[in-house]
Amino acid sequence: MDAATGIRELQPGEEAACAAILTRAWNAAMPSQPRFVNAQQFLVETEGERVFVAHRTSEISGFVSIWMPDAFVHHLYVDPRYQRQGMGAALLANAARIADGMELSLKCQTENENALHFYQTLGFVEAGEQGDGEFGRWVRLKAPGAKA
């Protein structure tokens, strides 16, 4: 991540930008399961979660949402134009910092091989839980050092 990139908490009015990133990133990674998310749907999906955005100057380039009681990363999306530049890793590092000692976990669609590889590169491992959901098969991953 370069010096012009920062991470901060989501501010009111930025939901549409995050919804657009979710839509672009999801559809690039999962074309067989297209999604189109608007600002209202984004608010529904992140209700009760803490949301942080990565930004380049004034442009939001990615976000992470965390359900704090369980340190569960519900969403992590980086705009395809900014992927492979360290933003996803920086957003996860921020999530780990604010989890205050709790170990992060998340679910990842098994069809999304790039995301699985990304998490594995960061040391995430399978937590022994998997299932089928609205968008296909998923697997739960836990952060390095997390107990199963």
Protein backbone atom coordinates (compact mmCIF):
# COMPACT_ATOMS: atom_id res chain seq x y z
CA MET A 1 0.00 0.00 0.00
CA ASP A 2 1.50 3.34 -0.96
CA ALA A 3 1.76 6.48 1.16
CA ALA A 4 -1.27 8.07 -0.53
CA THR A 5 -3.54 5.31 0.77
CA GLY A 6 -5.20 5.43 4.18
CA ILE A 7 -7.77 3.55 6.23
CA ARG A 8 -10.54 5.15 8.25
CA GLU A 9 -14.02 4.40 9.52
CA LEU A 10 -16.89 4.68 7.03
CA GLN A 11 -18.58 8.07 7.07
CA PRO A 12 -22.28 8.72 6.42
CA GLY A 13 -22.99 9.10 2.72
CA GLU A 14 -20.25 6.69 1.61
CA GLU A 15 -22.48 3.62 1.46
CA ALA A 16 -23.09 3.92 -2.30
CA ALA A 17 -19.35 3.91 -3.00
CA CYS A 18 -18.91 0.75 -0.93
CA ALA A 19 -21.93 -0.89 -2.58
CA ALA A 20 -20.41 -0.16 -6.01
CA ILE A 21 -17.07 -1.69 -4.93
CA LEU A 22 -18.84 -4.78 -3.59
CA THR A 23 -20.73 -5.15 -6.87
CA ARG A 24 -17.62 -4.70 -9.08
CA ALA A 25 -15.36 -6.93 -7.00
CA TRP A 26 -17.95 -9.68 -6.52
CA ASN A 27 -18.87 -9.81 -10.20
CA ALA A 28 -15.20 -9.86 -11.27
CA ALA A 29 -14.50 -12.76 -8.90
CA MET A 30 -17.78 -14.65 -9.15
CA PRO A 31 -19.27 -14.10 -12.62
CA SER A 32 -21.40 -17.25 -12.30
CA GLN A 33 -23.19 -15.72 -9.26
CA PRO A 34 -23.72 -12.05 -10.21
CA ARG A 35 -24.77 -9.56 -7.54
CA PHE A 36 -25.87 -5.95 -7.77
CA VAL A 37 -25.83 -4.17 -4.42
CA ASN A 38 -27.12 -0.65 -3.83
CA ALA A 39 -26.54 1.63 -0.84
CA GLN A 40 -29.66 0.42 0.97
CA GLN A 41 -28.68 -3.23 0.58
CA PHE A 42 -25.16 -2.39 1.77
CA LEU A 43 -26.63 -0.82 4.92
CA VAL A 44 -28.77 -3.92 5.52
CA GLU A 45 -25.81 -6.28 5.03
CA THR A 46 -23.53 -4.32 7.37
CA GLU A 47 -26.06 -3.40 10.06
CA GLY A 48 -24.43 -3.52 13.48
CA GLU A 49 -20.94 -3.96 12.01
CA ARG A 50 -17.96 -1.64 12.08
CA VAL A 51 -16.98 -0.65 8.56
CA PHE A 52 -13.59 0.72 7.54
CA VAL A 53 -12.62 2.01 4.11
CA ALA A 54 -9.31 2.14 2.30
CA HIS A 55 -8.94 5.26 0.21
CA ARG A 56 -6.59 6.80 -2.27
CA THR A 57 -6.74 10.54 -1.75
CA SER A 58 -10.51 11.04 -1.79
CA GLU A 59 -11.50 7.86 -3.67
CA ILE A 60 -12.67 4.86 -1.66
CA SER A 61 -10.91 1.81 -3.06
CA GLY A 62 -11.98 -0.96 -0.67
CA PHE A 63 -13.69 -1.75 2.61
CA VAL A 64 -13.96 -4.27 5.41
CA SER A 65 -16.92 -4.85 7.74
CA ILE A 66 -16.52 -6.63 11.07
CA TRP A 67 -19.11 -8.10 13.40
CA MET A 68 -17.27 -7.17 16.57
CA PRO A 69 -18.79 -9.61 19.12
CA ASP A 70 -17.17 -12.52 17.22
CA ALA A 71 -14.38 -10.66 15.35
CA PHE A 72 -16.07 -11.99 12.20
CA VAL A 73 -15.04 -10.37 8.92
CA HIS A 74 -18.34 -10.24 7.09
CA HIS A 75 -17.15 -8.32 4.04
CA LEU A 76 -13.73 -7.56 2.54
CA TYR A 77 -13.77 -6.08 -0.93
CA VAL A 78 -11.21 -4.10 -2.91
CA ASP A 79 -12.12 -2.46 -6.20
CA PRO A 80 -10.62 -4.61 -8.99
CA ARG A 81 -8.60 -1.59 -10.18
CA TYR A 82 -6.73 -1.55 -6.85
CA GLN A 83 -6.33 -5.26 -6.11
CA ARG A 84 -2.87 -6.73 -5.54
CA GLN A 85 -1.61 -3.45 -4.08
CA GLY A 86 -1.77 -4.40 -0.39
CA MET A 87 -5.14 -2.82 0.42
CA GLY A 88 -6.88 -6.06 1.36
CA ALA A 89 -4.03 -7.04 3.67
CA ALA A 90 -4.02 -3.54 5.21
CA LEU A 91 -7.79 -3.69 5.79
CA LEU A 92 -7.44 -7.09 7.47
CA ALA A 93 -4.55 -5.83 9.61
CA ASN A 94 -6.77 -2.93 10.71
CA ALA A 95 -9.59 -5.37 11.50
CA ALA A 96 -7.20 -7.46 13.61
CA ARG A 97 -6.03 -4.33 15.46
CA ILE A 98 -9.55 -3.21 16.36
CA ALA A 99 -10.56 -6.77 17.31
CA ASP A 100 -8.39 -6.12 20.37
CA GLY A 101 -6.96 -9.60 20.85
CA MET A 102 -9.87 -11.59 19.43
CA GLU A 103 -8.90 -13.78 16.50
CA LEU A 104 -10.52 -12.95 13.17
CA SER A 105 -12.54 -15.46 11.19
CA LEU A 106 -14.47 -15.23 7.94
CA LYS A 107 -16.31 -17.25 5.34
CA CYS A 108 -15.04 -17.42 1.77
CA GLN A 109 -16.83 -18.75 -1.30
CA THR A 110 -14.90 -21.80 -2.50
CA GLU A 111 -15.49 -20.74 -6.11
CA ASN A 112 -13.46 -17.59 -5.43
CA GLU A 113 -10.03 -19.19 -5.77
CA ASN A 114 -8.21 -15.85 -5.84
CA ALA A 115 -9.70 -14.88 -2.47
CA LEU A 116 -8.89 -18.28 -0.97
CA HIS A 117 -5.29 -17.94 -2.15
CA PHE A 118 -5.12 -14.38 -0.77
CA TYR A 119 -6.28 -15.48 2.69
CA GLN A 120 -3.98 -18.53 2.68
CA THR A 121 -1.04 -16.29 1.74
CA LEU A 122 -1.82 -14.24 4.86
CA GLY A 123 -1.79 -17.41 6.97
CA PHE A 124 -5.53 -18.02 7.30
CA VAL A 125 -6.42 -21.71 7.62
CA GLU A 126 -9.62 -23.70 7.33
CA ALA A 127 -11.53 -23.84 10.60
CA GLY A 128 -13.36 -27.09 9.84
CA GLU A 129 -16.69 -25.47 9.04
CA GLN A 130 -18.20 -25.32 5.58
CA GLY A 131 -21.57 -25.22 3.97
CA ASP A 132 -23.79 -24.22 1.10
CA GLY A 133 -25.41 -20.81 1.02
CA GLU A 134 -27.27 -18.50 -1.27
CA PHE A 135 -24.16 -18.04 -3.45
CA GLY A 136 -22.80 -21.57 -3.35
CA ARG A 137 -20.26 -23.44 -1.26
CA TRP A 138 -18.27 -21.60 1.41
CA VAL A 139 -15.56 -22.45 3.91
CA ARG A 140 -14.78 -20.76 7.24
CA LEU A 141 -11.22 -19.53 7.63
CA LYS A 142 -9.51 -18.41 10.80
CA ALA A 143 -6.64 -16.02 11.25
CA PRO A 144 -3.15 -17.27 12.04
CA GLY A 145 -2.99 -18.36 15.67
CA ALA A 146 -6.77 -18.58 16.08
CA LYS A 147 -8.14 -21.62 17.84
CA ALA A 148 -10.51 -23.82 15.84
